[in-house]
Amino acid sequence: MHKNFALYVLAAAAALSSPLAVARVNVDIGIGVPVAPVYVEPAPVYAPAPVYAPPPPPAYYAPQPVYVAPQPVIVAPGYYDDGRGREWQERQWREQRWREREWRRHHRHDDDD
């Protein structure tokens, strides 16, 4: 129990010693009546009431018209000739001419009867 009591005394001494370390004496003397007026409030100054002008009417701007010209379009039938068709037609034409020539040569004397 003496150990606890010694701890309590030590803790109380530590708690009371810190305010004693910063203790100082302050002496203030005051008389509640001022000798001369130090501060006098100025008379109030009122600003004139603000004048509000009506806002300008809203301006609506339409975008400039945009004209986009369509691209020129050429519509024509497709040309799908690789040359084989012409060669075939030319061969047919030559064969027809040969047949006609051969027929005339073979039958040229038939009109003489």
PDB file of N, CA and C in Angstrom:
ATOM      1  N   MET A   1       0.808  -1.173   0.000  1.00  0.00           N
ATOM      2  CA  MET A   1       0.000   0.000   0.000  1.00  0.00           C
ATOM      3  C   MET A   1       0.864   1.254   0.000  1.00  0.00           C
ATOM      4  N   HIS A   2       2.015   1.149   0.641  1.00  0.00           N
ATOM      5  CA  HIS A   2       2.909   2.301   0.665  1.00  0.00           C
ATOM      6  C   HIS A   2       3.462   2.593  -0.725  1.00  0.00           C
ATOM      7  N   LYS A   3       3.585   1.517  -1.523  1.00  0.00           N
ATOM      8  CA  LYS A   3       4.081   1.736  -2.884  1.00  0.00           C
ATOM      9  C   LYS A   3       3.037   2.507  -3.693  1.00  0.00           C
ATOM     10  N   ASN A   4       1.783   2.148  -3.526  1.00  0.00           N
ATOM     11  CA  ASN A   4       0.722   2.852  -4.256  1.00  0.00           C
ATOM     12  C   ASN A   4       0.614   4.303  -3.785  1.00  0.00           C
ATOM     13  N   PHE A   5       0.735   4.507  -2.510  1.00  0.00           N
ATOM     14  CA  PHE A   5       0.649   5.853  -1.968  1.00  0.00           C
ATOM     15  C   PHE A   5       1.795   6.718  -2.504  1.00  0.00           C
ATOM     16  N   ALA A   6       2.969   6.117  -2.593  1.00  0.00           N
ATOM     17  CA  ALA A   6       4.128   6.847  -3.113  1.00  0.00           C
ATOM     18  C   ALA A   6       3.903   7.208  -4.586  1.00  0.00           C
ATOM     19  N   LEU A   7       3.290   6.289  -5.323  1.00  0.00           N
ATOM     20  CA  LEU A   7       2.986   6.579  -6.734  1.00  0.00           C
ATOM     21  C   LEU A   7       1.974   7.707  -6.848  1.00  0.00           C
ATOM     22  N   TYR A   8       0.963   7.713  -5.989  1.00  0.00           N
ATOM     23  CA  TYR A   8      -0.050   8.776  -6.018  1.00  0.00           C
ATOM     24  C   TYR A   8       0.565  10.133  -5.697  1.00  0.00           C
ATOM     25  N   VAL A   9       1.446  10.160  -4.746  1.00  0.00           N
ATOM     26  CA  VAL A   9       2.103  11.411  -4.358  1.00  0.00           C
ATOM     27  C   VAL A   9       2.995  11.891  -5.486  1.00  0.00           C
ATOM     28  N   LEU A  10       3.702  10.981  -6.100  1.00  0.00           N
ATOM     29  CA  LEU A  10       4.581  11.348  -7.211  1.00  0.00           C
ATOM     30  C   LEU A  10       3.777  11.876  -8.391  1.00  0.00           C
ATOM     31  N   ALA A  11       2.638  11.244  -8.702  1.00  0.00           N
ATOM     32  CA  ALA A  11       1.789  11.692  -9.810  1.00  0.00           C
ATOM     33  C   ALA A  11       1.203  13.057  -9.506  1.00  0.00           C
ATOM     34  N   ALA A  12       0.776  13.302  -8.262  1.00  0.00           N
ATOM     35  CA  ALA A  12       0.213  14.601  -7.888  1.00  0.00           C
ATOM     36  C   ALA A  12       1.285  15.680  -7.957  1.00  0.00           C
ATOM     37  N   ALA A  13       2.484  15.373  -7.559  1.00  0.00           N
ATOM     38  CA  ALA A  13       3.573  16.352  -7.612  1.00  0.00           C
ATOM     39  C   ALA A  13       3.906  16.698  -9.056  1.00  0.00           C
ATOM     40  N   ALA A  14       3.884  15.688  -9.930  1.00  0.00           N
ATOM     41  CA  ALA A  14       4.173  15.940 -11.348  1.00  0.00           C
ATOM     42  C   ALA A  14       3.070  16.782 -11.968  1.00  0.00           C
ATOM     43  N   ALA A  15       1.812  16.520 -11.618  1.00  0.00           N
ATOM     44  CA  ALA A  15       0.692  17.276 -12.183  1.00  0.00           C
ATOM     45  C   ALA A  15       0.701  18.711 -11.690  1.00  0.00           C
ATOM     46  N   LEU A  16       1.084  18.949 -10.462  1.00  0.00           N
ATOM     47  CA  LEU A  16       1.067  20.302  -9.913  1.00  0.00           C
ATOM     48  C   LEU A  16       2.337  21.079 -10.235  1.00  0.00           C
ATOM     49  N   SER A  17       3.383  20.411 -10.627  1.00  0.00           N
ATOM     50  CA  SER A  17       4.644  21.115 -10.866  1.00  0.00           C
ATOM     51  C   SER A  17       4.635  21.840 -12.208  1.00  0.00           C
ATOM     52  N   SER A  18       3.912  21.353 -13.204  1.00  0.00           N
ATOM     53  CA  SER A  18       3.951  22.020 -14.505  1.00  0.00           C
ATOM     54  C   SER A  18       3.252  23.378 -14.470  1.00  0.00           C
ATOM     55  N   PRO A  19       2.112  23.567 -13.804  1.00  0.00           N
ATOM     56  CA  PRO A  19       1.564  24.931 -13.736  1.00  0.00           C
ATOM     57  C   PRO A  19       2.438  25.851 -12.904  1.00  0.00           C
ATOM     58  N   LEU A  20       3.144  25.324 -11.936  1.00  0.00           N
ATOM     59  CA  LEU A  20       4.021  26.169 -11.139  1.00  0.00           C
ATOM     60  C   LEU A  20       5.218  26.650 -11.952  1.00  0.00           C
ATOM     61  N   ALA A  21       5.627  25.862 -12.942  1.00  0.00           N
ATOM     62  CA  ALA A  21       6.789  26.241 -13.740  1.00  0.00           C
ATOM     63  C   ALA A  21       6.465  27.422 -14.647  1.00  0.00           C
ATOM     64  N   VAL A  22       5.221  27.569 -15.061  1.00  0.00           N
ATOM     65  CA  VAL A  22       4.854  28.662 -15.960  1.00  0.00           C
ATOM     66  C   VAL A  22       4.119  29.767 -15.217  1.00  0.00           C
ATOM     67  N   ALA A  23       4.113  29.755 -13.929  1.00  0.00           N
ATOM     68  CA  ALA A  23       3.400  30.772 -13.151  1.00  0.00           C
ATOM     69  C   ALA A  23       4.140  32.092 -13.225  1.00  0.00           C
ATOM     70  N   ARG A  24       3.377  33.198 -13.359  1.00  0.00           N
ATOM     71  CA  ARG A  24       3.961  34.534 -13.363  1.00  0.00           C
ATOM     72  C   ARG A  24       2.940  35.496 -12.764  1.00  0.00           C
ATOM     73  N   VAL A  25       3.375  36.652 -12.518  1.00  0.00           N
ATOM     74  CA  VAL A  25       2.504  37.637 -11.876  1.00  0.00           C
ATOM     75  C   VAL A  25       2.089  38.648 -12.922  1.00  0.00           C
ATOM     76  N   ASN A  26       0.801  38.912 -13.017  1.00  0.00           N
ATOM     77  CA  ASN A  26       0.267  39.929 -13.915  1.00  0.00           C
ATOM     78  C   ASN A  26      -0.443  40.968 -13.063  1.00  0.00           C
ATOM     79  N   VAL A  27      -0.109  42.221 -13.293  1.00  0.00           N
ATOM     80  CA  VAL A  27      -0.767  43.305 -12.559  1.00  0.00           C
ATOM     81  C   VAL A  27      -1.436  44.182 -13.590  1.00  0.00           C
ATOM     82  N   ASP A  28      -2.745  44.359 -13.476  1.00  0.00           N
ATOM     83  CA  ASP A  28      -3.501  45.204 -14.386  1.00  0.00           C
ATOM     84  C   ASP A  28      -4.260  46.220 -13.564  1.00  0.00           C
ATOM     85  N   ILE A  29      -4.170  47.458 -13.983  1.00  0.00           N
ATOM     86  CA  ILE A  29      -4.929  48.515 -13.324  1.00  0.00           C
ATOM     87  C   ILE A  29      -5.795  49.145 -14.393  1.00  0.00           C
ATOM     88  N   GLY A  30      -7.041  49.258 -14.165  1.00  0.00           N
ATOM     89  CA  GLY A  30      -7.932  49.836 -15.152  1.00  0.00           C
ATOM     90  C   GLY A  30      -8.962  50.722 -14.520  1.00  0.00           C
ATOM     91  N   ILE A  31      -9.237  51.852 -15.168  1.00  0.00           N
ATOM     92  CA  ILE A  31     -10.303  52.750 -14.748  1.00  0.00           C
ATOM     93  C   ILE A  31     -11.300  52.742 -15.896  1.00  0.00           C
ATOM     94  N   GLY A  32     -12.526  52.577 -15.630  1.00  0.00           N
ATOM     95  CA  GLY A  32     -13.523  52.385 -16.667  1.00  0.00           C
ATOM     96  C   GLY A  32     -13.923  53.625 -17.421  1.00  0.00           C
ATOM     97  N   VAL A  33     -13.362  54.806 -17.138  1.00  0.00           N
ATOM     98  CA  VAL A  33     -13.747  56.036 -17.830  1.00  0.00           C
ATOM     99  C   VAL A  33     -12.579  56.451 -18.719  1.00  0.00           C
ATOM    100  N   PRO A  34     -12.797  56.605 -20.016  1.00  0.00           N
ATOM    101  CA  PRO A  34     -11.693  57.029 -20.874  1.00  0.00           C
ATOM    102  C   PRO A  34     -11.388  58.508 -20.673  1.00  0.00           C
ATOM    103  N   VAL A  35     -10.159  58.883 -20.833  1.00  0.00           N
ATOM    104  CA  VAL A  35      -9.729  60.261 -20.632  1.00  0.00           C
ATOM    105  C   VAL A  35     -10.202  61.119 -21.803  1.00  0.00           C
ATOM    106  N   ALA A  36      -9.939  60.707 -22.999  1.00  0.00           N
ATOM    107  CA  ALA A  36     -10.387  61.436 -24.190  1.00  0.00           C
ATOM    108  C   ALA A  36     -11.052  60.422 -25.125  1.00  0.00           C
ATOM    109  N   PRO A  37     -12.013  60.892 -25.932  1.00  0.00           N
ATOM    110  CA  PRO A  37     -12.622  59.917 -26.856  1.00  0.00           C
ATOM    111  C   PRO A  37     -11.604  59.451 -27.895  1.00  0.00           C
ATOM    112  N   VAL A  38     -11.400  58.206 -27.904  1.00  0.00           N
ATOM    113  CA  VAL A  38     -10.414  57.629 -28.810  1.00  0.00           C
ATOM    114  C   VAL A  38     -11.049  57.298 -30.155  1.00  0.00           C
ATOM    115  N   TYR A  39     -12.269  56.834 -30.130  1.00  0.00           N
ATOM    116  CA  TYR A  39     -12.907  56.408 -31.370  1.00  0.00           C
ATOM    117  C   TYR A  39     -14.322  56.930 -31.385  1.00  0.00           C
ATOM    118  N   VAL A  40     -14.659  57.595 -32.453  1.00  0.00           N
ATOM    119  CA  VAL A  40     -16.029  58.069 -32.640  1.00  0.00           C
ATOM    120  C   VAL A  40     -16.514  57.468 -33.949  1.00  0.00           C
ATOM    121  N   GLU A  41     -17.670  56.884 -33.918  1.00  0.00           N
ATOM    122  CA  GLU A  41     -18.205  56.284 -35.141  1.00  0.00           C
ATOM    123  C   GLU A  41     -18.548  57.376 -36.140  1.00  0.00           C
ATOM    124  N   PRO A  42     -18.163  57.173 -37.403  1.00  0.00           N
ATOM    125  CA  PRO A  42     -18.525  58.174 -38.405  1.00  0.00           C
ATOM    126  C   PRO A  42     -20.015  58.095 -38.722  1.00  0.00           C
ATOM    127  N   ALA A  43     -20.501  59.170 -39.293  1.00  0.00           N
ATOM    128  CA  ALA A  43     -21.911  59.182 -39.692  1.00  0.00           C
ATOM    129  C   ALA A  43     -22.107  58.154 -40.801  1.00  0.00           C
ATOM    130  N   PRO A  44     -23.221  57.499 -40.809  1.00  0.00           N
ATOM    131  CA  PRO A  44     -23.422  56.486 -41.853  1.00  0.00           C
ATOM    132  C   PRO A  44     -23.523  57.122 -43.235  1.00  0.00           C
ATOM    133  N   VAL A  45     -22.919  56.484 -44.182  1.00  0.00           N
ATOM    134  CA  VAL A  45     -22.958  56.936 -45.577  1.00  0.00           C
ATOM    135  C   VAL A  45     -23.779  55.910 -46.339  1.00  0.00           C
ATOM    136  N   TYR A  46     -24.809  56.407 -46.974  1.00  0.00           N
ATOM    137  CA  TYR A  46     -25.684  55.515 -47.729  1.00  0.00           C
ATOM    138  C   TYR A  46     -25.375  55.652 -49.213  1.00  0.00           C
ATOM    139  N   ALA A  47     -25.194  54.550 -49.856  1.00  0.00           N
ATOM    140  CA  ALA A  47     -24.959  54.549 -51.298  1.00  0.00           C
ATOM    141  C   ALA A  47     -26.300  54.654 -52.007  1.00  0.00           C
ATOM    142  N   PRO A  48     -26.306  55.287 -53.172  1.00  0.00           N
ATOM    143  CA  PRO A  48     -27.576  55.371 -53.892  1.00  0.00           C
ATOM    144  C   PRO A  48     -28.021  53.971 -54.318  1.00  0.00           C
ATOM    145  N   ALA A  49     -29.308  53.859 -54.470  1.00  0.00           N
ATOM    146  CA  ALA A  49     -29.856  52.557 -54.869  1.00  0.00           C
ATOM    147  C   ALA A  49     -29.360  52.212 -56.273  1.00  0.00           C
ATOM    148  N   PRO A  50     -28.996  50.973 -56.508  1.00  0.00           N
ATOM    149  CA  PRO A  50     -28.507  50.614 -57.846  1.00  0.00           C
ATOM    150  C   PRO A  50     -29.633  50.699 -58.875  1.00  0.00           C
ATOM    151  N   VAL A  51     -29.247  51.123 -60.054  1.00  0.00           N
ATOM    152  CA  VAL A  51     -30.198  51.217 -61.161  1.00  0.00           C
ATOM    153  C   VAL A  51     -29.950  50.010 -62.051  1.00  0.00           C
ATOM    154  N   TYR A  52     -30.968  49.229 -62.196  1.00  0.00           N
ATOM    155  CA  TYR A  52     -30.846  48.022 -63.004  1.00  0.00           C
ATOM    156  C   TYR A  52     -31.461  48.279 -64.371  1.00  0.00           C
ATOM    157  N   ALA A  53     -30.670  48.129 -65.397  1.00  0.00           N
ATOM    158  CA  ALA A  53     -31.185  48.263 -66.759  1.00  0.00           C
ATOM    159  C   ALA A  53     -31.706  46.904 -67.195  1.00  0.00           C
ATOM    160  N   PRO A  54     -32.767  46.904 -67.968  1.00  0.00           N
ATOM    161  CA  PRO A  54     -33.266  45.602 -68.422  1.00  0.00           C
ATOM    162  C   PRO A  54     -32.239  44.953 -69.348  1.00  0.00           C
ATOM    163  N   PRO A  55     -32.138  43.657 -69.312  1.00  0.00           N
ATOM    164  CA  PRO A  55     -31.152  42.997 -70.179  1.00  0.00           C
ATOM    165  C   PRO A  55     -31.556  43.163 -71.638  1.00  0.00           C
ATOM    166  N   PRO A  56     -30.592  43.163 -72.525  1.00  0.00           N
ATOM    167  CA  PRO A  56     -30.937  43.286 -73.945  1.00  0.00           C
ATOM    168  C   PRO A  56     -31.725  42.059 -74.385  1.00  0.00           C
ATOM    169  N   PRO A  57     -32.549  42.239 -75.389  1.00  0.00           N
ATOM    170  CA  PRO A  57     -33.314  41.074 -75.852  1.00  0.00           C
ATOM    171  C   PRO A  57     -32.360  40.020 -76.391  1.00  0.00           C
ATOM    172  N   PRO A  58     -32.711  38.768 -76.236  1.00  0.00           N
ATOM    173  CA  PRO A  58     -31.802  37.719 -76.721  1.00  0.00           C
ATOM    174  C   PRO A  58     -31.682  37.768 -78.238  1.00  0.00           C
ATOM    175  N   ALA A  59     -30.484  37.577 -78.700  1.00  0.00           N
ATOM    176  CA  ALA A  59     -30.227  37.572 -80.138  1.00  0.00           C
ATOM    177  C   ALA A  59     -30.153  36.128 -80.596  1.00  0.00           C
ATOM    178  N   TYR A  60     -30.987  35.819 -81.536  1.00  0.00           N
ATOM    179  CA  TYR A  60     -30.997  34.472 -82.094  1.00  0.00           C
ATOM    180  C   TYR A  60     -30.344  34.531 -83.467  1.00  0.00           C
ATOM    181  N   TYR A  61     -29.310  33.771 -83.620  1.00  0.00           N
ATOM    182  CA  TYR A  61     -28.608  33.723 -84.891  1.00  0.00           C
ATOM    183  C   TYR A  61     -28.853  32.368 -85.521  1.00  0.00           C
ATOM    184  N   ALA A  62     -29.418  32.401 -86.707  1.00  0.00           N
ATOM    185  CA  ALA A  62     -29.614  31.149 -87.444  1.00  0.00           C
ATOM    186  C   ALA A  62     -28.305  30.815 -88.149  1.00  0.00           C
ATOM    187  N   PRO A  63     -27.969  29.565 -88.211  1.00  0.00           N
ATOM    188  CA  PRO A  63     -26.734  29.218 -88.923  1.00  0.00           C
ATOM    189  C   PRO A  63     -26.886  29.516 -90.406  1.00  0.00           C
ATOM    190  N   GLN A  64     -25.774  29.814 -91.018  1.00  0.00           N
ATOM    191  CA  GLN A  64     -25.793  30.101 -92.434  1.00  0.00           C
ATOM    192  C   GLN A  64     -26.214  28.845 -93.188  1.00  0.00           C
ATOM    193  N   PRO A  65     -27.082  28.994 -94.201  1.00  0.00           N
ATOM    194  CA  PRO A  65     -27.506  27.791 -94.923  1.00  0.00           C
ATOM    195  C   PRO A  65     -26.317  27.155 -95.634  1.00  0.00           C
ATOM    196  N   VAL A  66     -26.298  25.873 -95.594  1.00  0.00           N
ATOM    197  CA  VAL A  66     -25.206  25.122 -96.202  1.00  0.00           C
ATOM    198  C   VAL A  66     -25.769  24.339 -97.374  1.00  0.00           C
ATOM    199  N   TYR A  67     -25.168  24.505 -98.526  1.00  0.00           N
ATOM    200  CA  TYR A  67     -25.585  23.754 -99.698  1.00  0.00           C
ATOM    201  C   TYR A  67     -24.421  22.879-100.112  1.00  0.00           C
ATOM    202  N   VAL A  68     -24.677  21.625-100.164  1.00  0.00           N
ATOM    203  CA  VAL A  68     -23.656  20.676-100.589  1.00  0.00           C
ATOM    204  C   VAL A  68     -24.103  20.123-101.925  1.00  0.00           C
ATOM    205  N   ALA A  69     -23.353  20.436-102.954  1.00  0.00           N
ATOM    206  CA  ALA A  69     -23.706  19.959-104.291  1.00  0.00           C
ATOM    207  C   ALA A  69     -23.430  18.468-104.370  1.00  0.00           C
ATOM    208  N   PRO A  70     -24.373  17.717-104.929  1.00  0.00           N
ATOM    209  CA  PRO A  70     -24.120  16.279-105.048  1.00  0.00           C
ATOM    210  C   PRO A  70     -23.023  16.017-106.072  1.00  0.00           C
ATOM    211  N   GLN A  71     -22.354  14.945-105.879  1.00  0.00           N
ATOM    212  CA  GLN A  71     -21.302  14.560-106.801  1.00  0.00           C
ATOM    213  C   GLN A  71     -21.922  14.169-108.142  1.00  0.00           C
ATOM    214  N   PRO A  72     -21.280  14.520-109.240  1.00  0.00           N
ATOM    215  CA  PRO A  72     -21.839  14.121-110.532  1.00  0.00           C
ATOM    216  C   PRO A  72     -21.839  12.599-110.662  1.00  0.00           C
ATOM    217  N   VAL A  73     -22.934  12.117-111.196  1.00  0.00           N
ATOM    218  CA  VAL A  73     -23.093  10.671-111.338  1.00  0.00           C
ATOM    219  C   VAL A  73     -23.259  10.357-112.813  1.00  0.00           C
ATOM    220  N   ILE A  74     -22.496   9.441-113.300  1.00  0.00           N
ATOM    221  CA  ILE A  74     -22.606   9.006-114.691  1.00  0.00           C
ATOM    222  C   ILE A  74     -23.116   7.580-114.664  1.00  0.00           C
ATOM    223  N   VAL A  75     -24.263   7.393-115.304  1.00  0.00           N
ATOM    224  CA  VAL A  75     -24.847   6.062-115.349  1.00  0.00           C
ATOM    225  C   VAL A  75     -24.732   5.578-116.780  1.00  0.00           C
ATOM    226  N   ALA A  76     -23.973   4.569-116.989  1.00  0.00           N
ATOM    227  CA  ALA A  76     -23.784   4.000-118.319  1.00  0.00           C
ATOM    228  C   ALA A  76     -23.692   2.491-118.155  1.00  0.00           C
ATOM    229  N   PRO A  77     -24.045   1.780-119.202  1.00  0.00           N
ATOM    230  CA  PRO A  77     -23.915   0.320-119.076  1.00  0.00           C
ATOM    231  C   PRO A  77     -22.450  -0.060-118.910  1.00  0.00           C
ATOM    232  N   GLY A  78     -22.253  -1.098-118.189  1.00  0.00           N
ATOM    233  CA  GLY A  78     -20.892  -1.550-117.969  1.00  0.00           C
ATOM    234  C   GLY A  78     -20.299  -2.152-119.235  1.00  0.00           C
ATOM    235  N   TYR A  79     -19.032  -2.032-119.401  1.00  0.00           N
ATOM    236  CA  TYR A  79     -18.351  -2.578-120.564  1.00  0.00           C
ATOM    237  C   TYR A  79     -17.515  -3.747-120.076  1.00  0.00           C
ATOM    238  N   TYR A  80     -18.001  -4.916-120.376  1.00  0.00           N
ATOM    239  CA  TYR A  80     -17.340  -6.125-119.899  1.00  0.00           C
ATOM    240  C   TYR A  80     -16.779  -6.899-121.080  1.00  0.00           C
ATOM    241  N   ASP A  81     -15.929  -6.306-121.849  1.00  0.00           N
ATOM    242  CA  ASP A  81     -15.385  -6.972-123.031  1.00  0.00           C
ATOM    243  C   ASP A  81     -13.928  -7.287-122.766  1.00  0.00           C
ATOM    244  N   ASP A  82     -13.618  -8.559-122.844  1.00  0.00           N
ATOM    245  CA  ASP A  82     -12.227  -8.937-122.662  1.00  0.00           C
ATOM    246  C   ASP A  82     -11.587  -9.351-123.986  1.00  0.00           C
ATOM    247  N   GLY A  83     -12.291  -9.153-125.083  1.00  0.00           N
ATOM    248  CA  GLY A  83     -11.709  -9.446-126.387  1.00  0.00           C
ATOM    249  C   GLY A  83     -12.119 -10.792-126.945  1.00  0.00           C
ATOM    250  N   ARG A  84     -12.506 -11.724-126.095  1.00  0.00           N
ATOM    251  CA  ARG A  84     -12.860 -13.056-126.586  1.00  0.00           C
ATOM    252  C   ARG A  84     -14.146 -13.023-127.403  1.00  0.00           C
ATOM    253  N   GLY A  85     -15.083 -12.163-127.008  1.00  0.00           N
ATOM    254  CA  GLY A  85     -16.335 -12.072-127.749  1.00  0.00           C
ATOM    255  C   GLY A  85     -16.113 -11.542-129.150  1.00  0.00           C
ATOM    256  N   ARG A  86     -15.265 -10.534-129.293  1.00  0.00           N
ATOM    257  CA  ARG A  86     -14.966  -9.998-130.624  1.00  0.00           C
ATOM    258  C   ARG A  86     -14.245 -11.032-131.476  1.00  0.00           C
ATOM    259  N   GLU A  87     -13.326 -11.731-130.871  1.00  0.00           N
ATOM    260  CA  GLU A  87     -12.610 -12.762-131.633  1.00  0.00           C
ATOM    261  C   GLU A  87     -13.579 -13.830-132.120  1.00  0.00           C
ATOM    262  N   TRP A  88     -14.525 -14.220-131.288  1.00  0.00           N
ATOM    263  CA  TRP A  88     -15.490 -15.245-131.677  1.00  0.00           C
ATOM    264  C   TRP A  88     -16.382 -14.736-132.808  1.00  0.00           C
ATOM    265  N   GLN A  89     -16.838 -13.479-132.696  1.00  0.00           N
ATOM    266  CA  GLN A  89     -17.681 -12.921-133.753  1.00  0.00           C
ATOM    267  C   GLN A  89     -16.907 -12.808-135.063  1.00  0.00           C
ATOM    268  N   GLU A  90     -15.658 -12.385-134.971  1.00  0.00           N
ATOM    269  CA  GLU A  90     -14.858 -12.272-136.188  1.00  0.00           C
ATOM    270  C   GLU A  90     -14.634 -13.645-136.811  1.00  0.00           C
ATOM    271  N   ARG A  91     -14.405 -14.652-136.027  1.00  0.00           N
ATOM    272  CA  ARG A  91     -14.221 -16.002-136.554  1.00  0.00           C
ATOM    273  C   ARG A  91     -15.509 -16.503-137.214  1.00  0.00           C
ATOM    274  N   GLN A  92     -16.645 -16.226-136.566  1.00  0.00           N
ATOM    275  CA  GLN A  92     -17.922 -16.629-137.161  1.00  0.00           C
ATOM    276  C   GLN A  92     -18.154 -15.915-138.493  1.00  0.00           C
ATOM    277  N   TRP A  93     -17.815 -14.633-138.527  1.00  0.00           N
ATOM    278  CA  TRP A  93     -18.005 -13.871-139.766  1.00  0.00           C
ATOM    279  C   TRP A  93     -17.121 -14.418-140.875  1.00  0.00           C
ATOM    280  N   ARG A  94     -15.860 -14.734-140.552  1.00  0.00           N
ATOM    281  CA  ARG A  94     -14.952 -15.279-141.567  1.00  0.00           C
ATOM    282  C   ARG A  94     -15.427 -16.655-142.052  1.00  0.00           C
ATOM    283  N   GLU A  95     -15.913 -17.477-141.132  1.00  0.00           N
ATOM    284  CA  GLU A  95     -16.420 -18.789-141.549  1.00  0.00           C
ATOM    285  C   GLU A  95     -17.642 -18.633-142.453  1.00  0.00           C
ATOM    286  N   GLN A  96     -18.507 -17.677-142.107  1.00  0.00           N
ATOM    287  CA  GLN A  96     -19.680 -17.448-142.949  1.00  0.00           C
ATOM    288  C   GLN A  96     -19.255 -16.994-144.338  1.00  0.00           C
ATOM    289  N   ARG A  97     -18.284 -16.077-144.410  1.00  0.00           N
ATOM    290  CA  ARG A  97     -17.794 -15.624-145.717  1.00  0.00           C
ATOM    291  C   ARG A  97     -17.182 -16.784-146.498  1.00  0.00           C
ATOM    292  N   TRP A  98     -16.448 -17.649-145.815  1.00  0.00           N
ATOM    293  CA  TRP A  98     -15.829 -18.792-146.497  1.00  0.00           C
ATOM    294  C   TRP A  98     -16.901 -19.721-147.049  1.00  0.00           C
ATOM    295  N   ARG A  99     -17.959 -19.984-146.228  1.00  0.00           N
ATOM    296  CA  ARG A  99     -19.042 -20.857-146.701  1.00  0.00           C
ATOM    297  C   ARG A  99     -19.728 -20.260-147.922  1.00  0.00           C
ATOM    298  N   GLU A 100     -19.986 -18.957-147.885  1.00  0.00           N
ATOM    299  CA  GLU A 100     -20.632 -18.327-149.037  1.00  0.00           C
ATOM    300  C   GLU A 100     -19.744 -18.422-150.273  1.00  0.00           C
ATOM    301  N   ARG A 101     -18.467 -18.178-150.112  1.00  0.00           N
ATOM    302  CA  ARG A 101     -17.545 -18.253-151.242  1.00  0.00           C
ATOM    303  C   ARG A 101     -17.480 -19.666-151.806  1.00  0.00           C
ATOM    304  N   GLU A 102     -17.392 -20.629-150.891  1.00  0.00           N
ATOM    305  CA  GLU A 102     -17.340 -22.021-151.342  1.00  0.00           C
ATOM    306  C   GLU A 102     -18.650 -22.423-152.019  1.00  0.00           C
ATOM    307  N   TRP A 103     -19.739 -21.980-151.505  1.00  0.00           N
ATOM    308  CA  TRP A 103     -21.023 -22.343-152.103  1.00  0.00           C
ATOM    309  C   TRP A 103     -21.131 -21.734-153.499  1.00  0.00           C
ATOM    310  N   ARG A 104     -20.713 -20.463-153.648  1.00  0.00           N
ATOM    311  CA  ARG A 104     -20.762 -19.827-154.964  1.00  0.00           C
ATOM    312  C   ARG A 104     -19.825 -20.535-155.938  1.00  0.00           C
ATOM    313  N   ARG A 105     -18.652 -20.872-155.449  1.00  0.00           N
ATOM    314  CA  ARG A 105     -17.713 -21.549-156.336  1.00  0.00           C
ATOM    315  C   ARG A 105     -18.234 -22.922-156.754  1.00  0.00           C
ATOM    316  N   HIS A 106     -18.880 -23.583-155.829  1.00  0.00           N
ATOM    317  CA  HIS A 106     -19.415 -24.910-156.127  1.00  0.00           C
ATOM    318  C   HIS A 106     -20.639 -24.830-157.024  1.00  0.00           C
ATOM    319  N   HIS A 107     -21.426 -23.803-156.858  1.00  0.00           N
ATOM    320  CA  HIS A 107     -22.675 -23.694-157.612  1.00  0.00           C
ATOM    321  C   HIS A 107     -22.626 -22.614-158.689  1.00  0.00           C
ATOM    322  N   ARG A 108     -21.505 -22.177-159.136  1.00  0.00           N
ATOM    323  CA  ARG A 108     -21.475 -21.099-160.112  1.00  0.00           C
ATOM    324  C   ARG A 108     -21.964 -21.523-161.495  1.00  0.00           C
ATOM    325  N   HIS A 109     -21.875 -22.741-161.813  1.00  0.00           N
ATOM    326  CA  HIS A 109     -22.317 -23.193-163.132  1.00  0.00           C
ATOM    327  C   HIS A 109     -23.728 -23.744-163.101  1.00  0.00           C
ATOM    328  N   ASP A 110     -24.405 -23.661-161.965  1.00  0.00           N
ATOM    329  CA  ASP A 110     -25.762 -24.198-161.897  1.00  0.00           C
ATOM    330  C   ASP A 110     -26.753 -23.321-162.653  1.00  0.00           C
ATOM    331  N   ASP A 111     -26.459 -22.069-162.895  1.00  0.00           N
ATOM    332  CA  ASP A 111     -27.388 -21.174-163.572  1.00  0.00           C
ATOM    333  C   ASP A 111     -27.389 -21.385-165.086  1.00  0.00           C
ATOM    334  N   ASP A 112     -26.484 -22.094-165.628  1.00  0.00           N
ATOM    335  CA  ASP A 112     -26.354 -22.259-167.071  1.00  0.00           C
ATOM    336  C   ASP A 112     -27.360 -23.258-167.632  1.00  0.00           C
ATOM    337  N   ASP A 113     -28.141 -23.910-167.009  1.00  0.00           N
ATOM    338  CA  ASP A 113     -29.045 -24.946-167.523  1.00  0.00           C
ATOM    339  C   ASP A 113     -29.950 -24.458-168.541  1.00  0.00           C
TER     340      ASP A 113
END
